[in-house]
Amino acid sequence: MQDIQTVFNEIREMKKEMKGIREMYKDALSQTDDYADILEKAKELRDKKKAIEGRVQTQMGKSYEKYEDLKSEVLATEELLNDIAMTTLMDGKTVEVVDEFSNKYEPTYVVKFKKTNSIVTDEK
């Protein structure tokens, strides 16, 4: 198995290369004839879409507010479910749930790295 730091460094290098290519791609797009016009039209359509959505949400009133409340509640409950699954897993137990159709679900775990504000210094 490879060293975690080596793999992390490889990912960082690939992301740097991707960033350079993405910038070249954006430059090439900006030099294309119709691209700026299409971007402007897309922005106008997005604005119209948002206006329509806002109008319909207002018309729906309490029903839409209930939707938004449920959406927030689902996110909070999913976080609780994740916490329970992690605790159960750390206790060495199997983690599994079943829906109303007897379909079994097992969790998938994701590890992400977040930059901290500390800097590592090698003082030996």
C-alpha atoms as a PDB file:
ATOM      1  CA  MET A   1       0.000   0.000   0.000  1.00  0.00           C
ATOM      2  CA  GLN A   2       1.269   3.453  -0.874  1.00  0.00           C
ATOM      3  CA  ASP A   3       2.134   6.068   1.715  1.00  0.00           C
ATOM      4  CA  ILE A   4      -0.776   8.459   2.381  1.00  0.00           C
ATOM      5  CA  GLN A   5       1.457  11.553   2.057  1.00  0.00           C
ATOM      6  CA  THR A   6       2.735  10.385  -1.338  1.00  0.00           C
ATOM      7  CA  VAL A   7      -0.788   9.870  -2.644  1.00  0.00           C
ATOM      8  CA  PHE A   8      -1.863  13.259  -1.233  1.00  0.00           C
ATOM      9  CA  ASN A   9       1.074  14.947  -2.995  1.00  0.00           C
ATOM     10  CA  GLU A  10       0.216  13.207  -6.294  1.00  0.00           C
ATOM     11  CA  ILE A  11      -3.365  14.476  -6.061  1.00  0.00           C
ATOM     12  CA  ARG A  12      -2.150  18.043  -5.388  1.00  0.00           C
ATOM     13  CA  GLU A  13       0.130  17.906  -8.457  1.00  0.00           C
ATOM     14  CA  MET A  14      -2.675  16.583 -10.673  1.00  0.00           C
ATOM     15  CA  LYS A  15      -4.988  19.342  -9.425  1.00  0.00           C
ATOM     16  CA  LYS A  16      -2.346  21.978 -10.259  1.00  0.00           C
ATOM     17  CA  GLU A  17      -2.080  20.570 -13.781  1.00  0.00           C
ATOM     18  CA  MET A  18      -5.876  20.508 -14.104  1.00  0.00           C
ATOM     19  CA  LYS A  19      -6.037  24.158 -13.030  1.00  0.00           C
ATOM     20  CA  GLY A  20      -3.620  25.174 -15.783  1.00  0.00           C
ATOM     21  CA  ILE A  21      -5.546  23.254 -18.421  1.00  0.00           C
ATOM     22  CA  ARG A  22      -8.859  24.679 -17.161  1.00  0.00           C
ATOM     23  CA  GLU A  23      -7.453  28.230 -17.518  1.00  0.00           C
ATOM     24  CA  MET A  24      -6.327  27.477 -21.083  1.00  0.00           C
ATOM     25  CA  TYR A  25      -9.794  26.081 -21.823  1.00  0.00           C
ATOM     26  CA  LYS A  26     -11.504  29.201 -20.451  1.00  0.00           C
ATOM     27  CA  ASP A  27      -9.196  31.424 -22.530  1.00  0.00           C
ATOM     28  CA  ALA A  28     -10.003  29.418 -25.664  1.00  0.00           C
ATOM     29  CA  LEU A  29     -13.739  29.662 -24.931  1.00  0.00           C
ATOM     30  CA  SER A  30     -13.558  33.416 -24.422  1.00  0.00           C
ATOM     31  CA  GLN A  31     -11.971  33.779 -27.857  1.00  0.00           C
ATOM     32  CA  THR A  32     -14.779  31.837 -29.538  1.00  0.00           C
ATOM     33  CA  ASP A  33     -17.193  33.995 -31.544  1.00  0.00           C
ATOM     34  CA  ASP A  34     -20.604  33.260 -30.016  1.00  0.00           C
ATOM     35  CA  TYR A  35     -19.552  32.184 -26.535  1.00  0.00           C
ATOM     36  CA  ALA A  36     -20.015  35.562 -24.802  1.00  0.00           C
ATOM     37  CA  ASP A  37     -23.445  36.035 -26.414  1.00  0.00           C
ATOM     38  CA  ILE A  38     -24.563  32.571 -25.343  1.00  0.00           C
ATOM     39  CA  LEU A  39     -23.324  33.198 -21.791  1.00  0.00           C
ATOM     40  CA  GLU A  40     -25.379  36.401 -21.644  1.00  0.00           C
ATOM     41  CA  LYS A  41     -28.489  34.638 -22.945  1.00  0.00           C
ATOM     42  CA  ALA A  42     -27.994  31.841 -20.401  1.00  0.00           C
ATOM     43  CA  LYS A  43     -27.727  34.434 -17.609  1.00  0.00           C
ATOM     44  CA  GLU A  44     -30.956  36.089 -18.776  1.00  0.00           C
ATOM     45  CA  LEU A  45     -32.738  32.716 -18.828  1.00  0.00           C
ATOM     46  CA  ARG A  46     -31.446  31.884 -15.329  1.00  0.00           C
ATOM     47  CA  ASP A  47     -32.752  35.223 -14.084  1.00  0.00           C
ATOM     48  CA  LYS A  48     -36.159  34.583 -15.687  1.00  0.00           C
ATOM     49  CA  LYS A  49     -36.228  31.086 -14.180  1.00  0.00           C
ATOM     50  CA  LYS A  50     -35.476  32.466 -10.702  1.00  0.00           C
ATOM     51  CA  ALA A  51     -38.196  35.094 -11.071  1.00  0.00           C
ATOM     52  CA  ILE A  52     -40.757  32.451 -12.055  1.00  0.00           C
ATOM     53  CA  GLU A  53     -39.667  30.170  -9.205  1.00  0.00           C
ATOM     54  CA  GLY A  54     -39.963  33.042  -6.730  1.00  0.00           C
ATOM     55  CA  ARG A  55     -43.419  33.935  -7.986  1.00  0.00           C
ATOM     56  CA  VAL A  56     -44.642  30.326  -7.722  1.00  0.00           C
ATOM     57  CA  GLN A  57     -43.106  29.936  -4.259  1.00  0.00           C
ATOM     58  CA  THR A  58     -44.967  33.050  -3.140  1.00  0.00           C
ATOM     59  CA  GLN A  59     -48.210  31.751  -4.625  1.00  0.00           C
ATOM     60  CA  MET A  60     -47.799  28.432  -2.828  1.00  0.00           C
ATOM     61  CA  GLY A  61     -47.297  30.253   0.479  1.00  0.00           C
ATOM     62  CA  LYS A  62     -47.397  27.937   3.486  1.00  0.00           C
ATOM     63  CA  SER A  63     -47.045  24.794   1.365  1.00  0.00           C
ATOM     64  CA  TYR A  64     -43.677  25.936   0.061  1.00  0.00           C
ATOM     65  CA  GLU A  65     -42.589  27.039   3.539  1.00  0.00           C
ATOM     66  CA  LYS A  66     -43.422  23.514   4.724  1.00  0.00           C
ATOM     67  CA  TYR A  67     -41.263  22.134   1.896  1.00  0.00           C
ATOM     68  CA  GLU A  68     -38.318  24.295   2.982  1.00  0.00           C
ATOM     69  CA  ASP A  69     -38.800  23.250   6.625  1.00  0.00           C
ATOM     70  CA  LEU A  70     -38.882  19.579   5.639  1.00  0.00           C
ATOM     71  CA  LYS A  71     -35.781  20.033   3.504  1.00  0.00           C
ATOM     72  CA  SER A  72     -33.861  21.447   6.493  1.00  0.00           C
ATOM     73  CA  GLU A  73     -35.202  18.739   8.766  1.00  0.00           C
ATOM     74  CA  VAL A  74     -34.115  16.010   6.333  1.00  0.00           C
ATOM     75  CA  LEU A  75     -30.574  17.418   6.250  1.00  0.00           C
ATOM     76  CA  ALA A  76     -30.397  17.504  10.049  1.00  0.00           C
ATOM     77  CA  THR A  77     -31.823  13.990  10.361  1.00  0.00           C
ATOM     78  CA  GLU A  78     -29.407  12.650   7.738  1.00  0.00           C
ATOM     79  CA  GLU A  79     -26.555  14.087   9.797  1.00  0.00           C
ATOM     80  CA  LEU A  80     -27.957  12.286  12.844  1.00  0.00           C
ATOM     81  CA  LEU A  81     -28.181   9.068  10.809  1.00  0.00           C
ATOM     82  CA  ASN A  82     -24.518   9.475   9.808  1.00  0.00           C
ATOM     83  CA  ASP A  83     -23.501  10.005  13.433  1.00  0.00           C
ATOM     84  CA  ILE A  84     -25.420   6.902  14.551  1.00  0.00           C
ATOM     85  CA  ALA A  85     -23.882   4.833  11.724  1.00  0.00           C
ATOM     86  CA  MET A  86     -20.342   5.941  12.635  1.00  0.00           C
ATOM     87  CA  THR A  87     -20.910   5.192  16.329  1.00  0.00           C
ATOM     88  CA  THR A  88     -22.365   1.771  15.501  1.00  0.00           C
ATOM     89  CA  LEU A  89     -19.439   1.002  13.189  1.00  0.00           C
ATOM     90  CA  MET A  90     -16.900   2.070  15.825  1.00  0.00           C
ATOM     91  CA  ASP A  91     -18.615  -0.279  18.292  1.00  0.00           C
ATOM     92  CA  GLY A  92     -17.804  -3.104  15.853  1.00  0.00           C
ATOM     93  CA  LYS A  93     -21.384  -3.733  14.842  1.00  0.00           C
ATOM     94  CA  THR A  94     -22.796  -4.124  11.334  1.00  0.00           C
ATOM     95  CA  VAL A  95     -24.511  -1.040   9.975  1.00  0.00           C
ATOM     96  CA  GLU A  96     -27.551  -1.684   7.793  1.00  0.00           C
ATOM     97  CA  VAL A  97     -31.049  -0.275   7.293  1.00  0.00           C
ATOM     98  CA  VAL A  98     -34.083  -1.595   5.403  1.00  0.00           C
ATOM     99  CA  ASP A  99     -36.712   0.427   3.508  1.00  0.00           C
ATOM    100  CA  GLU A 100     -40.452  -0.238   3.235  1.00  0.00           C
ATOM    101  CA  PHE A 101     -39.838  -2.545   0.222  1.00  0.00           C
ATOM    102  CA  SER A 102     -37.366  -4.734   2.162  1.00  0.00           C
ATOM    103  CA  ASN A 103     -34.389  -3.305   0.265  1.00  0.00           C
ATOM    104  CA  LYS A 104     -31.236  -3.322   2.384  1.00  0.00           C
ATOM    105  CA  TYR A 105     -28.966  -0.296   2.489  1.00  0.00           C
ATOM    106  CA  GLU A 106     -25.425  -0.262   3.737  1.00  0.00           C
ATOM    107  CA  PRO A 107     -23.432   2.905   4.343  1.00  0.00           C
ATOM    108  CA  THR A 108     -20.614   4.204   2.218  1.00  0.00           C
ATOM    109  CA  TYR A 109     -17.913   6.094   4.019  1.00  0.00           C
ATOM    110  CA  VAL A 110     -15.985   9.019   2.614  1.00  0.00           C
ATOM    111  CA  VAL A 111     -12.829  10.553   4.034  1.00  0.00           C
ATOM    112  CA  LYS A 112     -12.060  14.106   3.020  1.00  0.00           C
ATOM    113  CA  PHE A 113      -9.138  16.260   4.063  1.00  0.00           C
ATOM    114  CA  LYS A 114      -9.656  19.860   5.109  1.00  0.00           C
ATOM    115  CA  LYS A 115      -6.861  22.387   5.275  1.00  0.00           C
ATOM    116  CA  THR A 116      -6.069  23.506   8.820  1.00  0.00           C
ATOM    117  CA  ASN A 117      -4.578  26.810   9.894  1.00  0.00           C
ATOM    118  CA  SER A 118      -1.450  25.227  11.325  1.00  0.00           C
ATOM    119  CA  ILE A 119       1.835  24.881   9.486  1.00  0.00           C
ATOM    120  CA  VAL A 120       4.070  21.861   9.980  1.00  0.00           C
ATOM    121  CA  THR A 121       7.682  22.624  10.787  1.00  0.00           C
ATOM    122  CA  ASP A 122      10.348  19.934  10.828  1.00  0.00           C
ATOM    123  CA  GLU A 123      12.455  20.717  13.863  1.00  0.00           C
ATOM    124  CA  LYS A 124      14.815  17.844  14.613  1.00  0.00           C
END
